[in-house]
Amino acid sequence: MSQKAVEIVLGRLASDEATRRRFREAPAATLAELVALGLELSAVERAALESLDAAAVERFAQAVDSRLQRAELVAQGGSASAGDAKAS
């Protein structure tokens, strides 16, 4: 298990609007993306993260100072920017 990887995921969910949107729509797929980018999460950690209440994550993110937030740029048609899957 990697506590650091869990903290990174939680930080991304709290500060990255695009990651939060993808997680809300498909938690398992979002975590798989992050693992593919190099984060090491055990099956137990992935299951625990997948079970997070998306509404609670959103409420927490709203409480984080906007200067620490990463905004998602959305085209006029409503689709997210092409770079929103990149790791930071």
N, C-alpha and C. Protein backbone atom coordinates (compact mmCIF):
# COMPACT_ATOMS: atom_id res chain seq x y z
N MET A 1 0.84 -1.19 0.00
CA MET A 1 0.00 0.00 0.00
C MET A 1 0.88 1.25 0.00
N SER A 2 0.36 2.27 -0.63
CA SER A 2 1.11 3.51 -0.71
C SER A 2 0.26 4.67 -0.19
N GLN A 3 0.52 5.08 1.02
CA GLN A 3 -0.22 6.21 1.60
C GLN A 3 -0.01 7.45 0.75
N LYS A 4 1.19 7.62 0.22
CA LYS A 4 1.46 8.79 -0.61
C LYS A 4 0.56 8.82 -1.84
N ALA A 5 0.37 7.66 -2.49
CA ALA A 5 -0.49 7.61 -3.67
C ALA A 5 -1.93 7.93 -3.31
N VAL A 6 -2.40 7.45 -2.17
CA VAL A 6 -3.76 7.76 -1.71
C VAL A 6 -3.89 9.26 -1.49
N GLU A 7 -2.89 9.86 -0.86
CA GLU A 7 -2.91 11.30 -0.62
C GLU A 7 -2.91 12.08 -1.92
N ILE A 8 -2.17 11.60 -2.91
CA ILE A 8 -2.14 12.26 -4.21
C ILE A 8 -3.53 12.21 -4.86
N VAL A 9 -4.18 11.05 -4.81
CA VAL A 9 -5.52 10.92 -5.38
C VAL A 9 -6.48 11.87 -4.67
N LEU A 10 -6.45 11.87 -3.34
CA LEU A 10 -7.35 12.75 -2.59
C LEU A 10 -7.07 14.22 -2.91
N GLY A 11 -5.80 14.56 -3.06
CA GLY A 11 -5.44 15.92 -3.43
C GLY A 11 -5.95 16.29 -4.80
N ARG A 12 -5.82 15.38 -5.74
CA ARG A 12 -6.34 15.63 -7.10
C ARG A 12 -7.85 15.82 -7.07
N LEU A 13 -8.53 14.98 -6.30
CA LEU A 13 -9.99 15.10 -6.21
C LEU A 13 -10.40 16.43 -5.57
N ALA A 14 -9.61 16.91 -4.64
CA ALA A 14 -9.93 18.16 -3.95
C ALA A 14 -9.60 19.39 -4.79
N SER A 15 -8.60 19.28 -5.66
CA SER A 15 -8.11 20.49 -6.33
C SER A 15 -8.23 20.50 -7.85
N ASP A 16 -8.60 19.39 -8.46
CA ASP A 16 -8.63 19.31 -9.92
C ASP A 16 -10.06 19.02 -10.39
N GLU A 17 -10.69 20.04 -10.94
CA GLU A 17 -12.09 19.95 -11.36
C GLU A 17 -12.32 18.84 -12.39
N ALA A 18 -11.41 18.70 -13.34
CA ALA A 18 -11.58 17.68 -14.39
C ALA A 18 -11.49 16.27 -13.80
N THR A 19 -10.54 16.05 -12.91
CA THR A 19 -10.42 14.75 -12.26
C THR A 19 -11.66 14.45 -11.44
N ARG A 20 -12.15 15.45 -10.74
CA ARG A 20 -13.35 15.29 -9.92
C ARG A 20 -14.56 14.94 -10.79
N ARG A 21 -14.70 15.60 -11.94
CA ARG A 21 -15.81 15.32 -12.86
C ARG A 21 -15.74 13.88 -13.36
N ARG A 22 -14.54 13.47 -13.79
CA ARG A 22 -14.38 12.10 -14.29
C ARG A 22 -14.65 11.08 -13.18
N PHE A 23 -14.19 11.38 -11.97
CA PHE A 23 -14.41 10.48 -10.84
C PHE A 23 -15.90 10.35 -10.53
N ARG A 24 -16.60 11.47 -10.58
CA ARG A 24 -18.05 11.45 -10.33
C ARG A 24 -18.76 10.56 -11.35
N GLU A 25 -18.33 10.63 -12.61
CA GLU A 25 -18.96 9.87 -13.69
C GLU A 25 -18.52 8.41 -13.71
N ALA A 26 -17.27 8.13 -13.37
CA ALA A 26 -16.73 6.77 -13.46
C ALA A 26 -15.54 6.61 -12.51
N PRO A 27 -15.80 6.35 -11.23
CA PRO A 27 -14.71 6.27 -10.25
C PRO A 27 -13.63 5.25 -10.60
N ALA A 28 -14.02 4.03 -10.97
CA ALA A 28 -13.04 2.99 -11.26
C ALA A 28 -12.17 3.36 -12.45
N ALA A 29 -12.78 3.91 -13.49
CA ALA A 29 -12.03 4.29 -14.69
C ALA A 29 -11.06 5.44 -14.38
N THR A 30 -11.48 6.38 -13.55
CA THR A 30 -10.62 7.51 -13.19
C THR A 30 -9.41 7.02 -12.41
N LEU A 31 -9.65 6.12 -11.46
CA LEU A 31 -8.52 5.57 -10.69
C LEU A 31 -7.60 4.76 -11.60
N ALA A 32 -8.17 4.03 -12.56
CA ALA A 32 -7.35 3.26 -13.51
C ALA A 32 -6.46 4.21 -14.32
N GLU A 33 -7.00 5.38 -14.71
CA GLU A 33 -6.21 6.38 -15.43
C GLU A 33 -5.02 6.83 -14.59
N LEU A 34 -5.28 7.11 -13.32
CA LEU A 34 -4.21 7.58 -12.43
C LEU A 34 -3.16 6.49 -12.20
N VAL A 35 -3.60 5.24 -12.09
CA VAL A 35 -2.66 4.13 -11.95
C VAL A 35 -1.82 4.01 -13.22
N ALA A 36 -2.45 4.18 -14.37
CA ALA A 36 -1.73 4.10 -15.65
C ALA A 36 -0.68 5.21 -15.76
N LEU A 37 -0.92 6.32 -15.05
CA LEU A 37 0.04 7.42 -15.05
C LEU A 37 1.16 7.23 -14.05
N GLY A 38 1.11 6.11 -13.29
CA GLY A 38 2.22 5.79 -12.40
C GLY A 38 1.91 5.71 -10.92
N LEU A 39 0.69 6.03 -10.52
CA LEU A 39 0.35 5.89 -9.10
C LEU A 39 0.17 4.42 -8.75
N GLU A 40 0.71 4.02 -7.63
CA GLU A 40 0.58 2.63 -7.20
C GLU A 40 -0.48 2.55 -6.11
N LEU A 41 -1.60 1.93 -6.44
CA LEU A 41 -2.69 1.74 -5.48
C LEU A 41 -3.00 0.26 -5.37
N SER A 42 -3.14 -0.22 -4.15
CA SER A 42 -3.52 -1.62 -3.94
C SER A 42 -5.01 -1.78 -4.26
N ALA A 43 -5.46 -3.00 -4.35
CA ALA A 43 -6.87 -3.28 -4.60
C ALA A 43 -7.73 -2.72 -3.46
N VAL A 44 -7.23 -2.83 -2.24
CA VAL A 44 -7.96 -2.30 -1.07
C VAL A 44 -8.07 -0.78 -1.17
N GLU A 45 -6.99 -0.11 -1.53
CA GLU A 45 -7.01 1.35 -1.67
C GLU A 45 -7.95 1.77 -2.78
N ARG A 46 -7.89 1.07 -3.90
CA ARG A 46 -8.78 1.41 -5.02
C ARG A 46 -10.24 1.24 -4.62
N ALA A 47 -10.55 0.16 -3.93
CA ALA A 47 -11.94 -0.08 -3.50
C ALA A 47 -12.39 1.01 -2.53
N ALA A 48 -11.51 1.38 -1.60
CA ALA A 48 -11.86 2.42 -0.63
C ALA A 48 -12.08 3.76 -1.32
N LEU A 49 -11.22 4.10 -2.26
CA LEU A 49 -11.36 5.36 -2.99
C LEU A 49 -12.61 5.35 -3.87
N GLU A 50 -12.88 4.23 -4.52
CA GLU A 50 -14.08 4.12 -5.36
C GLU A 50 -15.35 4.33 -4.56
N SER A 51 -15.32 3.98 -3.28
CA SER A 51 -16.52 4.07 -2.45
C SER A 51 -16.73 5.47 -1.85
N LEU A 52 -15.82 6.41 -2.15
CA LEU A 52 -16.01 7.77 -1.65
C LEU A 52 -17.32 8.35 -2.16
N ASP A 53 -17.98 9.09 -1.32
CA ASP A 53 -19.22 9.78 -1.69
C ASP A 53 -18.85 10.98 -2.56
N ALA A 54 -19.24 10.94 -3.83
CA ALA A 54 -18.88 12.02 -4.76
C ALA A 54 -19.40 13.38 -4.29
N ALA A 55 -20.56 13.41 -3.67
CA ALA A 55 -21.11 14.68 -3.17
C ALA A 55 -20.24 15.23 -2.04
N ALA A 56 -19.75 14.35 -1.17
CA ALA A 56 -18.88 14.78 -0.08
C ALA A 56 -17.56 15.31 -0.63
N VAL A 57 -17.03 14.64 -1.66
CA VAL A 57 -15.79 15.09 -2.29
C VAL A 57 -16.01 16.49 -2.88
N GLU A 58 -17.15 16.68 -3.53
CA GLU A 58 -17.47 17.98 -4.13
C GLU A 58 -17.58 19.06 -3.06
N ARG A 59 -18.25 18.76 -1.95
CA ARG A 59 -18.37 19.73 -0.85
C ARG A 59 -16.99 20.10 -0.30
N PHE A 60 -16.14 19.10 -0.12
CA PHE A 60 -14.80 19.39 0.37
C PHE A 60 -14.04 20.26 -0.62
N ALA A 61 -14.13 19.94 -1.90
CA ALA A 61 -13.43 20.72 -2.92
C ALA A 61 -13.90 22.16 -2.93
N GLN A 62 -15.18 22.40 -2.71
CA GLN A 62 -15.71 23.75 -2.68
C GLN A 62 -15.16 24.54 -1.48
N ALA A 63 -14.77 23.82 -0.42
CA ALA A 63 -14.22 24.47 0.76
C ALA A 63 -12.74 24.82 0.61
N VAL A 64 -12.09 24.24 -0.39
CA VAL A 64 -10.67 24.52 -0.63
C VAL A 64 -10.53 25.88 -1.32
N ASP A 65 -9.60 26.67 -0.84
CA ASP A 65 -9.35 28.00 -1.40
C ASP A 65 -9.18 27.91 -2.92
N SER A 66 -9.86 28.78 -3.65
CA SER A 66 -9.84 28.74 -5.11
C SER A 66 -8.43 28.93 -5.69
N ARG A 67 -7.52 29.51 -4.92
CA ARG A 67 -6.15 29.68 -5.42
C ARG A 67 -5.43 28.34 -5.49
N LEU A 68 -5.98 27.32 -4.85
CA LEU A 68 -5.39 25.99 -4.88
C LEU A 68 -6.11 25.08 -5.85
N GLN A 69 -7.10 25.59 -6.53
CA GLN A 69 -7.91 24.80 -7.45
C GLN A 69 -7.35 24.86 -8.86
N ARG A 70 -7.57 23.78 -9.58
CA ARG A 70 -7.22 23.72 -10.99
C ARG A 70 -8.54 23.71 -11.75
N ALA A 71 -8.82 24.77 -12.47
CA ALA A 71 -10.09 24.90 -13.19
C ALA A 71 -10.07 24.07 -14.46
N GLU A 72 -11.24 23.63 -14.84
CA GLU A 72 -11.41 22.89 -16.09
C GLU A 72 -11.93 23.86 -17.15
N LEU A 73 -11.24 23.92 -18.26
CA LEU A 73 -11.68 24.77 -19.36
C LEU A 73 -12.66 23.99 -20.21
N VAL A 74 -13.81 24.59 -20.48
CA VAL A 74 -14.86 23.93 -21.24
C VAL A 74 -15.13 24.74 -22.50
N ALA A 75 -15.14 24.05 -23.64
CA ALA A 75 -15.43 24.70 -24.91
C ALA A 75 -16.88 25.15 -24.94
N GLN A 76 -17.23 26.03 -25.86
CA GLN A 76 -18.59 26.54 -25.95
C GLN A 76 -19.61 25.42 -26.11
N GLY A 77 -19.24 24.34 -26.75
CA GLY A 77 -20.15 23.21 -26.94
C GLY A 77 -20.36 22.41 -25.67
N GLY A 78 -19.60 22.72 -24.61
CA GLY A 78 -19.78 22.06 -23.34
C GLY A 78 -18.82 20.91 -23.08
N SER A 79 -17.94 20.60 -24.03
CA SER A 79 -17.01 19.49 -23.79
C SER A 79 -15.76 20.00 -23.09
N ALA A 80 -15.18 19.12 -22.28
CA ALA A 80 -13.98 19.47 -21.53
C ALA A 80 -12.78 19.59 -22.45
N SER A 81 -11.77 20.31 -22.00
CA SER A 81 -10.57 20.48 -22.80
C SER A 81 -9.86 19.14 -22.99
N ALA A 82 -9.13 19.02 -24.07
CA ALA A 82 -8.45 17.78 -24.40
C ALA A 82 -7.38 17.40 -23.39
N GLY A 83 -6.83 18.36 -22.68
CA GLY A 83 -5.74 18.09 -21.75
C GLY A 83 -6.19 17.74 -20.35
N ASP A 84 -7.47 17.49 -20.13
CA ASP A 84 -7.93 17.28 -18.76
C ASP A 84 -7.57 15.94 -18.17
N ALA A 85 -7.01 15.01 -18.91
CA ALA A 85 -6.64 13.71 -18.36
C ALA A 85 -5.17 13.65 -17.92
N LYS A 86 -4.44 14.73 -18.14
CA LYS A 86 -3.02 14.72 -17.79
C LYS A 86 -2.81 14.73 -16.28
N ALA A 87 -1.77 14.06 -15.84
CA ALA A 87 -1.40 14.07 -14.41
C ALA A 87 -0.62 15.34 -14.12
N SER A 88 -0.71 15.81 -12.89
CA SER A 88 0.08 16.97 -12.49
C SER A 88 0.89 16.62 -11.30
